[in-house]
C-alpha cells in the first residue's frame, strides 16, 4: 500500500495504518430563507447527493425514523448545484454544515434541522486522518497536516447561524433562478 496521507470518512480496514481522528462534521438540513413550510420535512421534496455519497447515506440513516423514505425531487453530485436548486425552489436539501456556512450567514439558506439532540448526533459523522507509520513524511506533507488540523479546529469553533437569524434577513433570491415544481 502506497499512502502518504488520507482524509477519510468511514472505517479503515487496512491493518498497520495509523488512524487518528481529524474532525467531526454535521449534516445540516436546509431550505431557502423564505420557505413557506420549513418544518414540513416529511411531506417535502428533497434534493439529495448522488447514491453512494456519504452525505446522503448519513442523512438517510438519521432521518429514517423521522420521515421514512424521503421524496426525492432530484439527485445531484455537485454541492453548489444542490444549494442553488434549494435556494430557488420549495425543496429541502442536506449538506455538510461547513458547505453551507456562507449561505446560512448571508441568509440565502435557512437551517431547518430539528433540534433533537439524538438526531443531531445521528447527523454527525467523523473524518479520520490515515497515514502509514513507516513511510517518510515530507515537509510538504507535514505542512498539509498542520494546515488541515488548524482548519478543522477553526471549523469547529465557527459560530452557527440559527433559524431565528435566517428569518430576520430578506431572501436574496432572484426570480430568474426559480426552478419549476413538478
N, C-alpha and C. Protein backbone atom coordinates (compact mmCIF):
# COMPACT_ATOMS: atom_id res chain seq x y z
N UNK A 1 0.85 -1.18 0.00
CA UNK A 1 0.00 0.00 0.00
C UNK A 1 0.89 1.24 0.00
N UNK A 2 0.69 2.13 -0.96
CA UNK A 2 1.42 3.39 -1.03
C UNK A 2 0.49 4.50 -0.58
N UNK A 3 0.83 5.09 0.55
CA UNK A 3 -0.04 6.11 1.13
C UNK A 3 0.81 7.09 1.92
N UNK A 4 0.67 8.36 1.62
CA UNK A 4 1.31 9.39 2.45
C UNK A 4 0.32 9.86 3.50
N UNK A 5 -0.75 10.48 3.07
CA UNK A 5 -1.81 10.95 3.96
C UNK A 5 -3.15 10.75 3.27
N UNK A 6 -4.16 10.46 4.07
CA UNK A 6 -5.52 10.38 3.53
C UNK A 6 -6.46 10.96 4.57
N UNK A 7 -7.47 11.65 4.11
CA UNK A 7 -8.53 12.17 4.97
C UNK A 7 -9.78 11.43 4.53
N UNK A 8 -10.35 10.63 5.42
CA UNK A 8 -11.45 9.76 5.01
C UNK A 8 -12.62 9.85 5.98
N UNK A 9 -13.76 9.40 5.47
CA UNK A 9 -14.94 9.18 6.28
C UNK A 9 -15.16 7.68 6.22
N UNK A 10 -15.42 7.07 7.33
CA UNK A 10 -15.70 5.65 7.29
C UNK A 10 -14.62 4.83 7.96
N UNK A 11 -14.83 3.54 7.90
CA UNK A 11 -13.98 2.59 8.59
C UNK A 11 -12.71 2.29 7.79
N UNK A 12 -11.60 2.16 8.50
CA UNK A 12 -10.34 1.77 7.89
C UNK A 12 -10.11 0.31 8.24
N UNK A 13 -9.98 -0.54 7.23
CA UNK A 13 -9.80 -1.96 7.49
C UNK A 13 -8.39 -2.46 7.17
N UNK A 14 -7.54 -1.58 6.69
CA UNK A 14 -6.17 -1.96 6.36
C UNK A 14 -5.33 -1.99 7.64
N UNK A 15 -4.83 -3.18 8.04
CA UNK A 15 -4.03 -3.23 9.27
C UNK A 15 -2.69 -2.50 9.07
N UNK A 16 -2.16 -1.99 10.14
CA UNK A 16 -0.85 -1.37 10.08
C UNK A 16 -0.86 0.11 9.75
N UNK A 17 -2.02 0.69 9.51
CA UNK A 17 -2.08 2.12 9.23
C UNK A 17 -2.31 2.89 10.53
N UNK A 18 -1.81 4.08 10.58
CA UNK A 18 -2.06 4.99 11.69
C UNK A 18 -3.36 5.73 11.39
N UNK A 19 -4.34 5.61 12.27
CA UNK A 19 -5.64 6.25 12.08
C UNK A 19 -5.89 7.16 13.28
N UNK A 20 -6.07 8.45 13.00
CA UNK A 20 -6.31 9.43 14.06
C UNK A 20 -7.56 10.24 13.73
N UNK A 21 -8.34 10.61 14.75
CA UNK A 21 -9.50 11.47 14.47
C UNK A 21 -9.03 12.80 13.91
N UNK A 22 -9.72 13.29 12.89
CA UNK A 22 -9.38 14.58 12.30
C UNK A 22 -10.42 15.62 12.68
N UNK A 23 -11.68 15.35 12.34
CA UNK A 23 -12.73 16.33 12.65
C UNK A 23 -14.10 15.67 12.55
N UNK A 24 -15.07 16.29 13.17
CA UNK A 24 -16.47 15.89 13.03
C UNK A 24 -17.16 16.89 12.14
N UNK A 25 -18.20 16.42 11.49
CA UNK A 25 -18.95 17.25 10.56
C UNK A 25 -20.43 16.94 10.74
N UNK A 26 -21.24 17.97 10.85
CA UNK A 26 -22.68 17.78 10.99
C UNK A 26 -23.37 18.03 9.66
N UNK A 27 -24.26 17.12 9.30
CA UNK A 27 -25.10 17.31 8.13
C UNK A 27 -26.22 18.27 8.55
N UNK A 28 -26.42 19.30 7.78
CA UNK A 28 -27.42 20.32 8.06
C UNK A 28 -28.57 20.18 7.06
N UNK A 29 -29.79 20.17 7.55
CA UNK A 29 -30.97 20.18 6.69
C UNK A 29 -31.33 21.64 6.46
N UNK A 30 -31.61 21.99 5.22
CA UNK A 30 -31.83 23.40 4.93
C UNK A 30 -32.89 23.61 3.87
N UNK A 31 -33.38 24.84 3.82
CA UNK A 31 -34.37 25.27 2.84
C UNK A 31 -34.03 26.70 2.46
N UNK A 32 -34.71 27.21 1.45
CA UNK A 32 -34.49 28.62 1.11
C UNK A 32 -34.96 29.47 2.30
N UNK A 33 -34.45 30.67 2.39
CA UNK A 33 -34.69 31.52 3.56
C UNK A 33 -36.17 31.80 3.80
N UNK A 34 -36.95 31.96 2.74
CA UNK A 34 -38.38 32.28 2.92
C UNK A 34 -39.27 31.09 2.58
N UNK A 35 -38.79 29.90 2.86
CA UNK A 35 -39.57 28.68 2.59
C UNK A 35 -40.91 28.76 3.32
N UNK A 36 -42.02 28.43 2.64
CA UNK A 36 -43.34 28.58 3.25
C UNK A 36 -43.64 27.58 4.37
N UNK A 37 -42.98 26.44 4.41
CA UNK A 37 -43.26 25.43 5.43
C UNK A 37 -41.96 24.74 5.87
N UNK A 38 -41.10 25.47 6.57
CA UNK A 38 -39.78 24.92 6.86
C UNK A 38 -39.76 23.70 7.77
N UNK A 39 -40.83 23.41 8.44
CA UNK A 39 -40.86 22.24 9.33
C UNK A 39 -41.57 21.04 8.70
N UNK A 40 -42.01 21.15 7.47
CA UNK A 40 -42.73 20.07 6.80
C UNK A 40 -41.76 19.11 6.10
N UNK A 41 -40.79 18.61 6.85
CA UNK A 41 -39.73 17.79 6.26
C UNK A 41 -40.25 16.48 5.67
N UNK A 42 -41.19 15.84 6.35
CA UNK A 42 -41.69 14.54 5.86
C UNK A 42 -42.48 14.69 4.57
N UNK A 43 -43.23 15.77 4.45
CA UNK A 43 -44.06 15.97 3.25
C UNK A 43 -43.29 16.63 2.12
N UNK A 44 -42.15 17.20 2.43
CA UNK A 44 -41.40 17.95 1.43
C UNK A 44 -40.64 17.07 0.46
N UNK A 45 -40.24 17.70 -0.62
CA UNK A 45 -39.40 17.02 -1.62
C UNK A 45 -37.96 17.45 -1.38
N UNK A 46 -37.03 16.55 -1.70
CA UNK A 46 -35.63 16.72 -1.34
C UNK A 46 -34.72 16.71 -2.55
N UNK A 47 -33.70 17.55 -2.51
CA UNK A 47 -32.58 17.48 -3.44
C UNK A 47 -31.48 16.76 -2.66
N UNK A 48 -31.06 15.61 -3.14
CA UNK A 48 -30.05 14.82 -2.43
C UNK A 48 -28.81 14.63 -3.28
N UNK A 49 -27.71 14.35 -2.60
CA UNK A 49 -26.49 13.96 -3.30
C UNK A 49 -26.72 12.61 -3.97
N UNK A 50 -25.81 12.25 -4.86
CA UNK A 50 -25.93 11.01 -5.62
C UNK A 50 -25.84 9.78 -4.70
N UNK A 51 -26.35 8.65 -5.20
CA UNK A 51 -26.26 7.39 -4.46
C UNK A 51 -24.79 7.06 -4.20
N UNK A 52 -24.51 6.58 -2.99
CA UNK A 52 -23.15 6.26 -2.61
C UNK A 52 -22.45 7.40 -1.88
N UNK A 53 -23.01 8.59 -1.91
CA UNK A 53 -22.43 9.74 -1.21
C UNK A 53 -22.54 9.53 0.30
N UNK A 54 -21.47 9.84 1.03
CA UNK A 54 -21.51 9.74 2.49
C UNK A 54 -22.53 10.67 3.10
N UNK A 55 -22.69 11.85 2.52
CA UNK A 55 -23.68 12.81 2.99
C UNK A 55 -25.08 12.21 2.88
N UNK A 56 -25.37 11.65 1.74
CA UNK A 56 -26.69 11.04 1.51
C UNK A 56 -26.94 9.88 2.47
N UNK A 57 -25.95 9.00 2.62
CA UNK A 57 -26.12 7.83 3.48
C UNK A 57 -26.33 8.24 4.93
N UNK A 58 -25.58 9.23 5.41
CA UNK A 58 -25.76 9.72 6.78
C UNK A 58 -27.17 10.30 6.94
N UNK A 59 -27.61 11.10 5.98
CA UNK A 59 -28.95 11.69 6.00
C UNK A 59 -30.03 10.60 6.05
N UNK A 60 -29.96 9.63 5.15
CA UNK A 60 -30.98 8.59 5.08
C UNK A 60 -31.05 7.79 6.37
N UNK A 61 -29.91 7.42 6.92
CA UNK A 61 -29.86 6.65 8.17
C UNK A 61 -30.47 7.46 9.32
N UNK A 62 -30.09 8.73 9.42
CA UNK A 62 -30.56 9.56 10.53
C UNK A 62 -32.04 9.90 10.42
N UNK A 63 -32.52 10.12 9.21
CA UNK A 63 -33.89 10.60 9.02
C UNK A 63 -34.92 9.48 8.90
N UNK A 64 -34.49 8.24 8.71
CA UNK A 64 -35.43 7.12 8.54
C UNK A 64 -36.50 7.09 9.64
N UNK A 65 -36.13 7.17 10.92
CA UNK A 65 -37.18 7.12 11.96
C UNK A 65 -38.11 8.33 11.94
N UNK A 66 -37.64 9.44 11.42
CA UNK A 66 -38.41 10.68 11.45
C UNK A 66 -39.35 10.83 10.25
N UNK A 67 -38.83 10.56 9.05
CA UNK A 67 -39.64 10.80 7.84
C UNK A 67 -39.76 9.58 6.94
N UNK A 68 -39.14 8.47 7.30
CA UNK A 68 -39.16 7.31 6.42
C UNK A 68 -38.32 7.58 5.19
N UNK A 69 -38.78 7.10 4.06
CA UNK A 69 -38.06 7.35 2.80
C UNK A 69 -38.44 8.73 2.29
N UNK A 70 -37.46 9.60 2.08
CA UNK A 70 -37.78 10.96 1.61
C UNK A 70 -38.26 10.95 0.17
N UNK A 71 -39.07 11.95 -0.17
CA UNK A 71 -39.49 12.15 -1.56
C UNK A 71 -38.36 12.89 -2.28
N UNK A 72 -37.66 12.18 -3.14
CA UNK A 72 -36.51 12.77 -3.82
C UNK A 72 -36.97 13.46 -5.10
N UNK A 73 -36.75 14.77 -5.16
CA UNK A 73 -37.08 15.54 -6.36
C UNK A 73 -36.01 15.35 -7.42
N UNK A 74 -34.75 15.38 -6.99
CA UNK A 74 -33.64 15.26 -7.93
C UNK A 74 -32.38 14.86 -7.15
N UNK A 75 -31.47 14.17 -7.81
CA UNK A 75 -30.17 13.81 -7.25
C UNK A 75 -29.10 14.57 -8.02
N UNK A 76 -28.12 15.11 -7.30
CA UNK A 76 -27.01 15.83 -7.94
C UNK A 76 -25.70 15.42 -7.28
N UNK A 77 -24.61 15.56 -8.03
CA UNK A 77 -23.30 15.24 -7.47
C UNK A 77 -22.53 16.48 -7.04
N UNK A 78 -23.03 17.64 -7.40
CA UNK A 78 -22.33 18.90 -7.13
C UNK A 78 -23.01 19.66 -5.99
N UNK A 79 -22.30 19.91 -4.87
CA UNK A 79 -22.92 20.65 -3.77
C UNK A 79 -23.40 22.05 -4.16
N UNK A 80 -22.70 22.73 -5.04
CA UNK A 80 -23.13 24.07 -5.47
C UNK A 80 -24.47 23.98 -6.20
N UNK A 81 -24.62 22.99 -7.07
CA UNK A 81 -25.90 22.80 -7.77
C UNK A 81 -27.01 22.50 -6.77
N UNK A 82 -26.70 21.68 -5.77
CA UNK A 82 -27.70 21.34 -4.76
C UNK A 82 -28.15 22.60 -4.02
N UNK A 83 -27.21 23.43 -3.61
CA UNK A 83 -27.56 24.67 -2.90
C UNK A 83 -28.41 25.58 -3.78
N UNK A 84 -28.05 25.71 -5.03
CA UNK A 84 -28.80 26.60 -5.94
C UNK A 84 -30.21 26.08 -6.19
N UNK A 85 -30.36 24.77 -6.35
CA UNK A 85 -31.70 24.19 -6.55
C UNK A 85 -32.59 24.46 -5.34
N UNK A 86 -32.05 24.27 -4.15
CA UNK A 86 -32.84 24.51 -2.94
C UNK A 86 -33.18 25.99 -2.79
N UNK A 87 -32.21 26.86 -3.04
CA UNK A 87 -32.44 28.31 -2.90
C UNK A 87 -33.50 28.83 -3.87
N UNK A 88 -33.71 28.11 -4.97
CA UNK A 88 -34.64 28.58 -6.00
C UNK A 88 -35.93 27.77 -6.04
N UNK A 89 -36.22 27.00 -4.98
CA UNK A 89 -37.41 26.14 -5.01
C UNK A 89 -37.98 26.00 -3.60
N UNK A 90 -39.01 25.19 -3.49
CA UNK A 90 -39.57 24.84 -2.18
C UNK A 90 -39.03 23.50 -1.70
N UNK A 91 -37.99 23.00 -2.31
CA UNK A 91 -37.39 21.73 -1.93
C UNK A 91 -36.49 21.92 -0.73
N UNK A 92 -36.19 20.80 -0.06
CA UNK A 92 -35.24 20.77 1.05
C UNK A 92 -33.94 20.15 0.55
N UNK A 93 -32.87 20.42 1.27
CA UNK A 93 -31.57 19.83 0.95
C UNK A 93 -30.83 19.46 2.21
N UNK A 94 -29.76 18.72 2.04
CA UNK A 94 -28.88 18.38 3.16
C UNK A 94 -27.45 18.34 2.65
N UNK A 95 -26.58 19.02 3.36
CA UNK A 95 -25.15 19.05 3.06
C UNK A 95 -24.40 19.26 4.36
N UNK A 96 -23.11 19.14 4.29
CA UNK A 96 -22.25 19.47 5.42
C UNK A 96 -22.54 20.90 5.86
N UNK A 97 -22.60 21.11 7.16
CA UNK A 97 -22.81 22.46 7.68
C UNK A 97 -21.72 23.39 7.17
N UNK A 98 -20.50 22.87 7.02
CA UNK A 98 -19.40 23.69 6.52
C UNK A 98 -19.64 24.11 5.07
N UNK A 99 -20.29 23.25 4.30
CA UNK A 99 -20.53 23.54 2.88
C UNK A 99 -21.57 24.65 2.68
N UNK A 100 -22.43 24.86 3.68
CA UNK A 100 -23.45 25.90 3.53
C UNK A 100 -23.30 27.04 4.53
N UNK A 101 -22.16 27.09 5.21
CA UNK A 101 -21.94 28.11 6.25
C UNK A 101 -22.14 29.53 5.71
N UNK A 102 -21.61 29.81 4.54
CA UNK A 102 -21.72 31.16 3.97
C UNK A 102 -23.18 31.51 3.68
N UNK A 103 -23.93 30.56 3.12
CA UNK A 103 -25.33 30.81 2.78
C UNK A 103 -26.20 30.96 4.03
N UNK A 104 -25.85 30.24 5.10
CA UNK A 104 -26.57 30.42 6.37
C UNK A 104 -26.27 31.80 6.94
N UNK A 105 -25.02 32.23 6.86
CA UNK A 105 -24.65 33.56 7.38
C UNK A 105 -25.31 34.68 6.60
N UNK A 106 -25.34 34.55 5.26
CA UNK A 106 -25.90 35.67 4.48
C UNK A 106 -27.41 35.59 4.32
N UNK A 107 -28.03 34.53 4.84
CA UNK A 107 -29.48 34.44 4.81
C UNK A 107 -30.07 33.89 3.54
N UNK A 108 -29.25 33.38 2.63
CA UNK A 108 -29.76 32.77 1.41
C UNK A 108 -30.48 31.47 1.72
N UNK A 109 -29.91 30.70 2.66
CA UNK A 109 -30.49 29.43 3.08
C UNK A 109 -30.77 29.49 4.58
N UNK A 110 -31.63 28.59 5.02
CA UNK A 110 -32.10 28.56 6.40
C UNK A 110 -31.96 27.15 6.95
N UNK A 111 -31.39 27.03 8.13
CA UNK A 111 -31.24 25.74 8.80
C UNK A 111 -32.60 25.29 9.30
N UNK A 112 -33.04 24.11 8.86
CA UNK A 112 -34.33 23.57 9.31
C UNK A 112 -34.14 22.24 10.04
N UNK A 113 -32.91 21.98 10.49
CA UNK A 113 -32.63 20.74 11.20
C UNK A 113 -33.40 20.74 12.52
N UNK A 114 -34.20 19.70 12.79
CA UNK A 114 -34.90 19.64 14.07
C UNK A 114 -33.90 19.70 15.23
N UNK A 115 -34.33 20.25 16.34
CA UNK A 115 -33.44 20.49 17.48
C UNK A 115 -33.14 19.25 18.32
N UNK A 116 -33.63 18.11 17.96
CA UNK A 116 -33.41 16.87 18.71
C UNK A 116 -31.92 16.55 18.84
N UNK A 117 -31.47 16.38 20.08
CA UNK A 117 -30.05 16.04 20.31
C UNK A 117 -29.71 14.69 19.69
N UNK A 118 -30.64 13.73 19.77
CA UNK A 118 -30.38 12.41 19.19
C UNK A 118 -30.24 12.50 17.67
N UNK A 119 -31.09 13.31 17.04
CA UNK A 119 -30.99 13.47 15.58
C UNK A 119 -29.68 14.16 15.22
N UNK A 120 -29.31 15.18 15.94
CA UNK A 120 -28.05 15.88 15.65
C UNK A 120 -26.85 14.94 15.78
N UNK A 121 -26.88 14.06 16.77
CA UNK A 121 -25.81 13.06 16.88
C UNK A 121 -25.81 12.15 15.67
N UNK A 122 -27.00 11.72 15.24
CA UNK A 122 -27.09 10.82 14.08
C UNK A 122 -26.65 11.51 12.79
N UNK A 123 -26.78 12.83 12.73
CA UNK A 123 -26.37 13.58 11.54
C UNK A 123 -24.90 14.00 11.59
N UNK A 124 -24.19 13.61 12.63
CA UNK A 124 -22.77 13.95 12.76
C UNK A 124 -21.93 12.76 12.33
N UNK A 125 -20.94 13.05 11.51
CA UNK A 125 -20.04 11.99 11.04
C UNK A 125 -18.61 12.39 11.35
N UNK A 126 -17.77 11.39 11.45
CA UNK A 126 -16.36 11.62 11.78
C UNK A 126 -15.49 11.42 10.56
N UNK A 127 -14.47 12.24 10.48
CA UNK A 127 -13.45 12.10 9.45
C UNK A 127 -12.13 11.76 10.14
N UNK A 128 -11.34 10.97 9.45
CA UNK A 128 -10.11 10.44 10.03
C UNK A 128 -8.91 10.78 9.17
N UNK A 129 -7.78 10.94 9.82
CA UNK A 129 -6.51 11.12 9.15
C UNK A 129 -5.81 9.77 9.16
N UNK A 130 -5.44 9.30 7.99
CA UNK A 130 -4.81 7.99 7.86
C UNK A 130 -3.42 8.18 7.26
N UNK A 131 -2.45 7.50 7.85
CA UNK A 131 -1.07 7.56 7.35
C UNK A 131 -0.40 6.21 7.56
N UNK A 132 0.64 5.97 6.83
CA UNK A 132 1.44 4.76 7.03
C UNK A 132 2.56 5.14 8.00
N UNK A 133 2.63 4.49 9.16
CA UNK A 133 3.59 4.93 10.17
C UNK A 133 5.06 4.73 9.78
N UNK A 134 5.36 3.82 8.87
CA UNK A 134 6.74 3.57 8.48
C UNK A 134 7.21 4.40 7.29
N UNK A 135 6.32 5.10 6.66
CA UNK A 135 6.73 5.90 5.49
C UNK A 135 7.30 7.24 5.92
N UNK A 136 8.29 7.68 5.19
CA UNK A 136 8.86 9.01 5.40
C UNK A 136 7.80 10.04 5.02
N UNK A 137 7.62 11.05 5.88
CA UNK A 137 6.67 12.11 5.57
C UNK A 137 7.45 13.38 5.26
N UNK A 138 7.23 13.92 4.10
CA UNK A 138 7.96 15.11 3.64
C UNK A 138 7.53 16.35 4.41
N UNK A 139 8.30 17.40 4.27
CA UNK A 139 7.96 18.69 4.88
C UNK A 139 6.64 19.20 4.31
N UNK A 140 6.40 18.95 3.04
CA UNK A 140 5.14 19.36 2.40
C UNK A 140 3.96 18.63 3.03
N UNK A 141 4.11 17.32 3.25
CA UNK A 141 3.04 16.54 3.88
C UNK A 141 2.81 17.02 5.31
N UNK A 142 3.89 17.32 6.04
CA UNK A 142 3.75 17.84 7.40
C UNK A 142 3.03 19.19 7.41
N UNK A 143 3.34 20.04 6.43
CA UNK A 143 2.68 21.35 6.33
C UNK A 143 1.19 21.17 6.02
N UNK A 144 0.87 20.24 5.13
CA UNK A 144 -0.53 19.96 4.81
C UNK A 144 -1.25 19.46 6.06
N UNK A 145 -0.62 18.57 6.79
CA UNK A 145 -1.22 18.03 8.00
C UNK A 145 -1.47 19.14 9.03
N UNK A 146 -0.50 20.01 9.23
CA UNK A 146 -0.67 21.13 10.17
C UNK A 146 -1.80 22.05 9.72
N UNK A 147 -1.85 22.33 8.43
CA UNK A 147 -2.92 23.19 7.90
C UNK A 147 -4.29 22.53 8.10
N UNK A 148 -4.39 21.24 7.80
CA UNK A 148 -5.66 20.52 7.94
C UNK A 148 -6.12 20.50 9.39
N UNK A 149 -5.21 20.29 10.31
CA UNK A 149 -5.59 20.29 11.73
C UNK A 149 -6.03 21.68 12.17
N UNK A 150 -5.33 22.71 11.72
CA UNK A 150 -5.73 24.08 12.05
C UNK A 150 -7.07 24.43 11.45
N UNK A 151 -7.30 24.01 10.22
CA UNK A 151 -8.57 24.27 9.55
C UNK A 151 -9.71 23.58 10.27
N UNK A 152 -9.49 22.31 10.67
CA UNK A 152 -10.53 21.57 11.38
C UNK A 152 -10.86 22.25 12.70
N UNK A 153 -9.84 22.75 13.40
CA UNK A 153 -10.07 23.46 14.66
C UNK A 153 -10.86 24.73 14.45
N UNK A 154 -10.52 25.48 13.40
CA UNK A 154 -11.24 26.72 13.10
C UNK A 154 -12.69 26.42 12.72
N UNK A 155 -12.91 25.36 11.96
CA UNK A 155 -14.28 24.99 11.56
C UNK A 155 -15.10 24.61 12.78
N UNK A 156 -14.49 23.92 13.73
CA UNK A 156 -15.21 23.51 14.94
C UNK A 156 -15.59 24.71 15.80
N UNK A 157 -14.79 25.78 15.74
CA UNK A 157 -15.07 26.96 16.56
C UNK A 157 -15.98 27.97 15.87
N UNK A 158 -16.29 27.77 14.59
CA UNK A 158 -17.10 28.74 13.84
C UNK A 158 -18.51 28.79 14.41
N UNK A 159 -19.08 29.99 14.55
CA UNK A 159 -20.45 30.10 15.06
C UNK A 159 -21.45 29.54 14.06
N UNK A 160 -22.56 29.06 14.59
CA UNK A 160 -23.63 28.55 13.73
C UNK A 160 -24.68 29.62 13.53
N UNK A 161 -25.22 29.67 12.33
CA UNK A 161 -26.35 30.57 12.08
C UNK A 161 -27.60 29.88 12.60
N UNK A 162 -28.40 30.58 13.33
CA UNK A 162 -29.61 29.98 13.87
C UNK A 162 -30.79 30.21 12.94
N UNK A 163 -31.83 29.43 13.15
CA UNK A 163 -33.05 29.59 12.38
C UNK A 163 -33.61 30.99 12.58
N UNK A 164 -33.54 31.50 13.80
CA UNK A 164 -34.03 32.85 14.09
C UNK A 164 -33.25 33.89 13.29
N UNK A 165 -31.91 33.74 13.22
CA UNK A 165 -31.10 34.68 12.44
C UNK A 165 -31.52 34.69 10.98
N UNK A 166 -31.74 33.52 10.41
CA UNK A 166 -32.09 33.43 8.99
C UNK A 166 -33.45 34.06 8.72
N UNK A 167 -34.38 33.95 9.66
CA UNK A 167 -35.71 34.51 9.45
C UNK A 167 -35.71 36.03 9.39
N UNK A 168 -34.76 36.66 10.05
CA UNK A 168 -34.77 38.12 10.13
C UNK A 168 -34.13 38.78 8.92
N UNK A 169 -33.55 37.98 8.03
CA UNK A 169 -32.88 38.56 6.86
C UNK A 169 -33.75 38.36 5.63
N UNK A 170 -33.78 39.33 4.74
CA UNK A 170 -34.53 39.15 3.50
C UNK A 170 -33.84 38.13 2.60
N UNK A 171 -34.62 37.45 1.79
CA UNK A 171 -34.06 36.48 0.86
C UNK A 171 -33.50 37.18 -0.36
N UNK A 172 -32.25 36.87 -0.74
CA UNK A 172 -31.66 37.48 -1.93
C UNK A 172 -31.97 36.71 -3.21
N UNK A 173 -32.99 35.83 -3.17
CA UNK A 173 -33.32 35.03 -4.35
C UNK A 173 -33.65 35.90 -5.55
N UNK A 174 -33.32 35.39 -6.70
CA UNK A 174 -33.65 36.07 -7.95
C UNK A 174 -34.72 35.26 -8.66
N UNK A 175 -35.81 35.86 -9.12
CA UNK A 175 -36.87 35.10 -9.79
C UNK A 175 -36.38 34.31 -11.00
N UNK A 176 -35.37 34.78 -11.70
CA UNK A 176 -34.89 34.09 -12.89
C UNK A 176 -34.27 32.74 -12.57
N UNK A 177 -33.88 32.55 -11.31
CA UNK A 177 -33.24 31.29 -10.92
C UNK A 177 -34.25 30.28 -10.40
N UNK A 178 -35.50 30.62 -10.43
CA UNK A 178 -36.54 29.76 -9.89
C UNK A 178 -36.62 28.44 -10.68
N UNK A 179 -36.83 27.36 -9.98
CA UNK A 179 -36.93 26.04 -10.60
C UNK A 179 -38.40 25.65 -10.68
N UNK A 180 -38.81 25.14 -11.81
CA UNK A 180 -40.21 24.71 -11.97
C UNK A 180 -40.50 23.56 -11.02
N UNK A 181 -41.66 23.58 -10.40
CA UNK A 181 -42.08 22.50 -9.49
C UNK A 181 -42.87 21.46 -10.29
N UNK A 182 -42.67 20.22 -9.91
CA UNK A 182 -43.39 19.12 -10.58
C UNK A 182 -44.38 18.49 -9.64
